[in-house]
Amino acid sequence: MTDMTGHNSDAAVGGIAADRLRSIIERVERLEEERKALQGDIKDIFSEAKSAGFDVKVIKQIIRIRKQEPAEVEEQETLLDIYRRALGM
């Protein structure tokens, strides 16, 4: 019979490597904190843009467009133009 009272860094509880699980959870928690800080930084930049007279909605739209592939952007712009003409805009 083995003594389970000693500390073992690779101890498995219920078939789960507890230290590995703890490490994964702590890494995710750290990244979530970093993401929260980054979101605050982004919000500050948008506030700066707004106070400089820029339209934040348009800036966000441009950011979304820049993430897309050029062919996808071209297709959307073509459809937008077709739809506008169909509506007499």
N, C-alpha and C. Protein backbone atom coordinates (compact mmCIF):
# COMPACT_ATOMS: atom_id res chain seq x y z
N MET A 1 0.84 -1.18 0.00
CA MET A 1 0.00 0.00 0.00
C MET A 1 0.89 1.24 0.00
N THR A 2 0.55 2.24 -0.83
CA THR A 2 1.37 3.45 -0.91
C THR A 2 0.82 4.50 0.02
N ASP A 3 1.72 5.32 0.52
CA ASP A 3 1.36 6.41 1.42
C ASP A 3 0.93 7.61 0.59
N MET A 4 -0.33 8.03 0.68
CA MET A 4 -0.86 9.14 -0.10
C MET A 4 -0.75 10.47 0.65
N THR A 5 -0.12 10.48 1.83
CA THR A 5 -0.05 11.71 2.61
C THR A 5 1.11 12.60 2.20
N GLY A 6 2.12 12.06 1.53
CA GLY A 6 3.27 12.85 1.10
C GLY A 6 2.89 13.72 -0.10
N HIS A 7 3.66 14.81 -0.30
CA HIS A 7 3.40 15.69 -1.43
C HIS A 7 4.04 15.11 -2.68
N ASN A 8 3.26 15.04 -3.72
CA ASN A 8 3.76 14.55 -5.00
C ASN A 8 3.29 15.54 -6.05
N SER A 9 4.22 16.20 -6.75
CA SER A 9 3.85 17.24 -7.69
C SER A 9 3.04 16.69 -8.86
N ASP A 10 3.14 15.40 -9.14
CA ASP A 10 2.38 14.79 -10.23
C ASP A 10 1.19 14.00 -9.70
N ALA A 11 0.76 14.33 -8.49
CA ALA A 11 -0.32 13.58 -7.87
C ALA A 11 -1.58 13.61 -8.71
N ALA A 12 -2.16 12.44 -8.88
CA ALA A 12 -3.41 12.34 -9.62
C ALA A 12 -4.54 12.17 -8.64
N VAL A 13 -5.60 12.91 -8.81
CA VAL A 13 -6.77 12.81 -7.96
C VAL A 13 -7.92 12.41 -8.87
N GLY A 14 -8.48 11.25 -8.60
CA GLY A 14 -9.56 10.77 -9.44
C GLY A 14 -9.13 10.60 -10.89
N GLY A 15 -7.87 10.26 -11.10
CA GLY A 15 -7.35 10.06 -12.45
C GLY A 15 -6.98 11.35 -13.16
N ILE A 16 -7.00 12.48 -12.44
CA ILE A 16 -6.67 13.78 -13.02
C ILE A 16 -5.35 14.27 -12.44
N ALA A 17 -4.44 14.71 -13.29
CA ALA A 17 -3.17 15.28 -12.84
C ALA A 17 -3.46 16.67 -12.28
N ALA A 18 -3.55 16.77 -10.97
CA ALA A 18 -3.98 18.00 -10.31
C ALA A 18 -3.08 19.19 -10.62
N ASP A 19 -1.76 18.99 -10.61
CA ASP A 19 -0.85 20.10 -10.88
C ASP A 19 -1.00 20.61 -12.31
N ARG A 20 -1.19 19.70 -13.23
CA ARG A 20 -1.37 20.10 -14.64
C ARG A 20 -2.66 20.88 -14.79
N LEU A 21 -3.74 20.41 -14.16
CA LEU A 21 -5.02 21.10 -14.20
C LEU A 21 -4.90 22.50 -13.61
N ARG A 22 -4.25 22.59 -12.45
CA ARG A 22 -4.06 23.89 -11.78
C ARG A 22 -3.28 24.85 -12.69
N SER A 23 -2.24 24.33 -13.33
CA SER A 23 -1.43 25.15 -14.24
C SER A 23 -2.26 25.69 -15.39
N ILE A 24 -3.07 24.85 -15.98
CA ILE A 24 -3.93 25.27 -17.10
C ILE A 24 -4.89 26.35 -16.65
N ILE A 25 -5.54 26.13 -15.54
CA ILE A 25 -6.52 27.10 -15.02
C ILE A 25 -5.84 28.43 -14.71
N GLU A 26 -4.68 28.40 -14.06
CA GLU A 26 -3.98 29.63 -13.71
C GLU A 26 -3.50 30.38 -14.96
N ARG A 27 -3.08 29.66 -15.99
CA ARG A 27 -2.67 30.31 -17.24
C ARG A 27 -3.86 31.02 -17.89
N VAL A 28 -5.01 30.35 -17.91
CA VAL A 28 -6.21 30.98 -18.49
C VAL A 28 -6.60 32.21 -17.68
N GLU A 29 -6.53 32.10 -16.37
CA GLU A 29 -6.88 33.25 -15.51
C GLU A 29 -5.96 34.44 -15.78
N ARG A 30 -4.65 34.18 -15.94
CA ARG A 30 -3.72 35.27 -16.23
C ARG A 30 -4.04 35.92 -17.57
N LEU A 31 -4.34 35.10 -18.57
CA LEU A 31 -4.67 35.64 -19.89
C LEU A 31 -5.97 36.44 -19.86
N GLU A 32 -6.94 35.99 -19.06
CA GLU A 32 -8.19 36.74 -18.93
C GLU A 32 -7.93 38.11 -18.30
N GLU A 33 -7.03 38.17 -17.33
CA GLU A 33 -6.67 39.45 -16.71
C GLU A 33 -5.98 40.36 -17.73
N GLU A 34 -5.09 39.77 -18.53
CA GLU A 34 -4.42 40.56 -19.57
C GLU A 34 -5.43 41.08 -20.59
N ARG A 35 -6.38 40.20 -20.97
CA ARG A 35 -7.41 40.62 -21.93
C ARG A 35 -8.23 41.77 -21.36
N LYS A 36 -8.57 41.69 -20.08
CA LYS A 36 -9.34 42.75 -19.44
C LYS A 36 -8.57 44.08 -19.49
N ALA A 37 -7.27 44.02 -19.23
CA ALA A 37 -6.44 45.22 -19.27
C ALA A 37 -6.36 45.76 -20.70
N LEU A 38 -6.21 44.87 -21.67
CA LEU A 38 -6.15 45.29 -23.07
C LEU A 38 -7.47 45.91 -23.52
N GLN A 39 -8.58 45.34 -23.09
CA GLN A 39 -9.89 45.91 -23.44
C GLN A 39 -10.02 47.32 -22.88
N GLY A 40 -9.50 47.54 -21.70
CA GLY A 40 -9.49 48.88 -21.12
C GLY A 40 -8.65 49.84 -21.94
N ASP A 41 -7.49 49.36 -22.40
CA ASP A 41 -6.61 50.18 -23.25
C ASP A 41 -7.31 50.54 -24.56
N ILE A 42 -7.99 49.56 -25.16
CA ILE A 42 -8.70 49.80 -26.42
C ILE A 42 -9.81 50.83 -26.21
N LYS A 43 -10.53 50.70 -25.10
CA LYS A 43 -11.59 51.66 -24.79
C LYS A 43 -11.02 53.07 -24.67
N ASP A 44 -9.85 53.18 -24.03
CA ASP A 44 -9.20 54.49 -23.90
C ASP A 44 -8.83 55.07 -25.26
N ILE A 45 -8.36 54.21 -26.18
CA ILE A 45 -7.99 54.68 -27.52
C ILE A 45 -9.23 55.17 -28.26
N PHE A 46 -10.35 54.45 -28.13
CA PHE A 46 -11.57 54.89 -28.78
C PHE A 46 -12.05 56.22 -28.19
N SER A 47 -11.89 56.40 -26.89
CA SER A 47 -12.25 57.69 -26.27
C SER A 47 -11.38 58.81 -26.81
N GLU A 48 -10.10 58.51 -26.99
CA GLU A 48 -9.17 59.49 -27.56
C GLU A 48 -9.59 59.85 -28.98
N ALA A 49 -9.95 58.82 -29.77
CA ALA A 49 -10.38 59.06 -31.15
C ALA A 49 -11.64 59.94 -31.18
N LYS A 50 -12.58 59.62 -30.30
CA LYS A 50 -13.83 60.39 -30.24
C LYS A 50 -13.56 61.84 -29.87
N SER A 51 -12.69 62.05 -28.88
CA SER A 51 -12.40 63.42 -28.46
C SER A 51 -11.61 64.19 -29.53
N ALA A 52 -10.96 63.45 -30.45
CA ALA A 52 -10.25 64.10 -31.56
C ALA A 52 -11.18 64.35 -32.75
N GLY A 53 -12.47 63.97 -32.59
CA GLY A 53 -13.45 64.25 -33.63
C GLY A 53 -13.69 63.11 -34.62
N PHE A 54 -13.10 61.94 -34.36
CA PHE A 54 -13.31 60.80 -35.25
C PHE A 54 -14.59 60.06 -34.88
N ASP A 55 -15.22 59.43 -35.86
CA ASP A 55 -16.42 58.63 -35.64
C ASP A 55 -15.99 57.22 -35.26
N VAL A 56 -16.23 56.83 -34.02
CA VAL A 56 -15.77 55.54 -33.50
C VAL A 56 -16.44 54.38 -34.22
N LYS A 57 -17.71 54.52 -34.58
CA LYS A 57 -18.40 53.44 -35.31
C LYS A 57 -17.71 53.15 -36.64
N VAL A 58 -17.31 54.21 -37.32
CA VAL A 58 -16.63 54.04 -38.61
C VAL A 58 -15.25 53.41 -38.40
N ILE A 59 -14.55 53.83 -37.37
CA ILE A 59 -13.24 53.24 -37.07
C ILE A 59 -13.38 51.75 -36.81
N LYS A 60 -14.39 51.35 -36.02
CA LYS A 60 -14.61 49.93 -35.74
C LYS A 60 -14.94 49.16 -37.01
N GLN A 61 -15.71 49.80 -37.91
CA GLN A 61 -16.05 49.16 -39.18
C GLN A 61 -14.79 48.96 -40.02
N ILE A 62 -13.93 49.95 -40.06
CA ILE A 62 -12.68 49.83 -40.81
C ILE A 62 -11.81 48.71 -40.24
N ILE A 63 -11.75 48.61 -38.93
CA ILE A 63 -10.97 47.55 -38.29
C ILE A 63 -11.51 46.18 -38.69
N ARG A 64 -12.85 46.03 -38.71
CA ARG A 64 -13.46 44.75 -39.13
C ARG A 64 -13.10 44.44 -40.58
N ILE A 65 -13.16 45.45 -41.43
CA ILE A 65 -12.85 45.26 -42.85
C ILE A 65 -11.39 44.86 -43.03
N ARG A 66 -10.49 45.47 -42.30
CA ARG A 66 -9.06 45.17 -42.44
C ARG A 66 -8.72 43.75 -42.02
N LYS A 67 -9.56 43.13 -41.21
CA LYS A 67 -9.34 41.74 -40.78
C LYS A 67 -9.74 40.74 -41.86
N GLN A 68 -10.54 41.19 -42.83
CA GLN A 68 -11.06 40.30 -43.86
C GLN A 68 -10.07 40.16 -45.02
N GLU A 69 -10.29 39.12 -45.78
CA GLU A 69 -9.52 38.91 -47.01
C GLU A 69 -9.98 39.93 -48.05
N PRO A 70 -9.07 40.43 -48.90
CA PRO A 70 -9.45 41.41 -49.92
C PRO A 70 -10.60 40.95 -50.82
N ALA A 71 -10.61 39.69 -51.21
CA ALA A 71 -11.69 39.20 -52.09
C ALA A 71 -13.04 39.25 -51.37
N GLU A 72 -13.03 38.95 -50.09
CA GLU A 72 -14.26 39.00 -49.30
C GLU A 72 -14.77 40.43 -49.19
N VAL A 73 -13.87 41.37 -48.98
CA VAL A 73 -14.24 42.78 -48.90
C VAL A 73 -14.83 43.25 -50.23
N GLU A 74 -14.17 42.87 -51.32
CA GLU A 74 -14.65 43.27 -52.64
C GLU A 74 -16.05 42.71 -52.91
N GLU A 75 -16.27 41.45 -52.53
CA GLU A 75 -17.58 40.84 -52.73
C GLU A 75 -18.66 41.58 -51.93
N GLN A 76 -18.36 41.91 -50.69
CA GLN A 76 -19.32 42.63 -49.86
C GLN A 76 -19.62 44.01 -50.41
N GLU A 77 -18.58 44.70 -50.87
CA GLU A 77 -18.79 46.03 -51.44
C GLU A 77 -19.63 45.96 -52.71
N THR A 78 -19.39 44.94 -53.52
CA THR A 78 -20.19 44.75 -54.75
C THR A 78 -21.65 44.51 -54.40
N LEU A 79 -21.90 43.62 -53.45
CA LEU A 79 -23.28 43.34 -53.03
C LEU A 79 -23.94 44.58 -52.43
N LEU A 80 -23.19 45.31 -51.63
CA LEU A 80 -23.73 46.53 -51.03
C LEU A 80 -24.15 47.51 -52.13
N ASP A 81 -23.30 47.65 -53.14
CA ASP A 81 -23.62 48.55 -54.26
C ASP A 81 -24.87 48.07 -55.00
N ILE A 82 -24.96 46.78 -55.27
CA ILE A 82 -26.13 46.21 -55.96
C ILE A 82 -27.39 46.44 -55.14
N TYR A 83 -27.33 46.16 -53.85
CA TYR A 83 -28.50 46.33 -52.98
C TYR A 83 -28.93 47.80 -52.92
N ARG A 84 -27.94 48.71 -52.83
CA ARG A 84 -28.27 50.14 -52.79
C ARG A 84 -28.98 50.57 -54.07
N ARG A 85 -28.43 50.13 -55.20
CA ARG A 85 -29.07 50.49 -56.49
C ARG A 85 -30.47 49.89 -56.58
N ALA A 86 -30.65 48.67 -56.08
CA ALA A 86 -31.97 48.03 -56.12
C ALA A 86 -32.98 48.82 -55.28
N LEU A 87 -32.49 49.48 -54.23
CA LEU A 87 -33.37 50.28 -53.37
C LEU A 87 -33.42 51.74 -53.79
N GLY A 88 -32.74 52.09 -54.88
CA GLY A 88 -32.75 53.47 -55.36
C GLY A 88 -31.96 54.41 -54.49
N MET A 89 -30.95 53.92 -53.87
CA MET A 89 -30.13 54.76 -52.96
C MET A 89 -28.92 55.31 -53.69
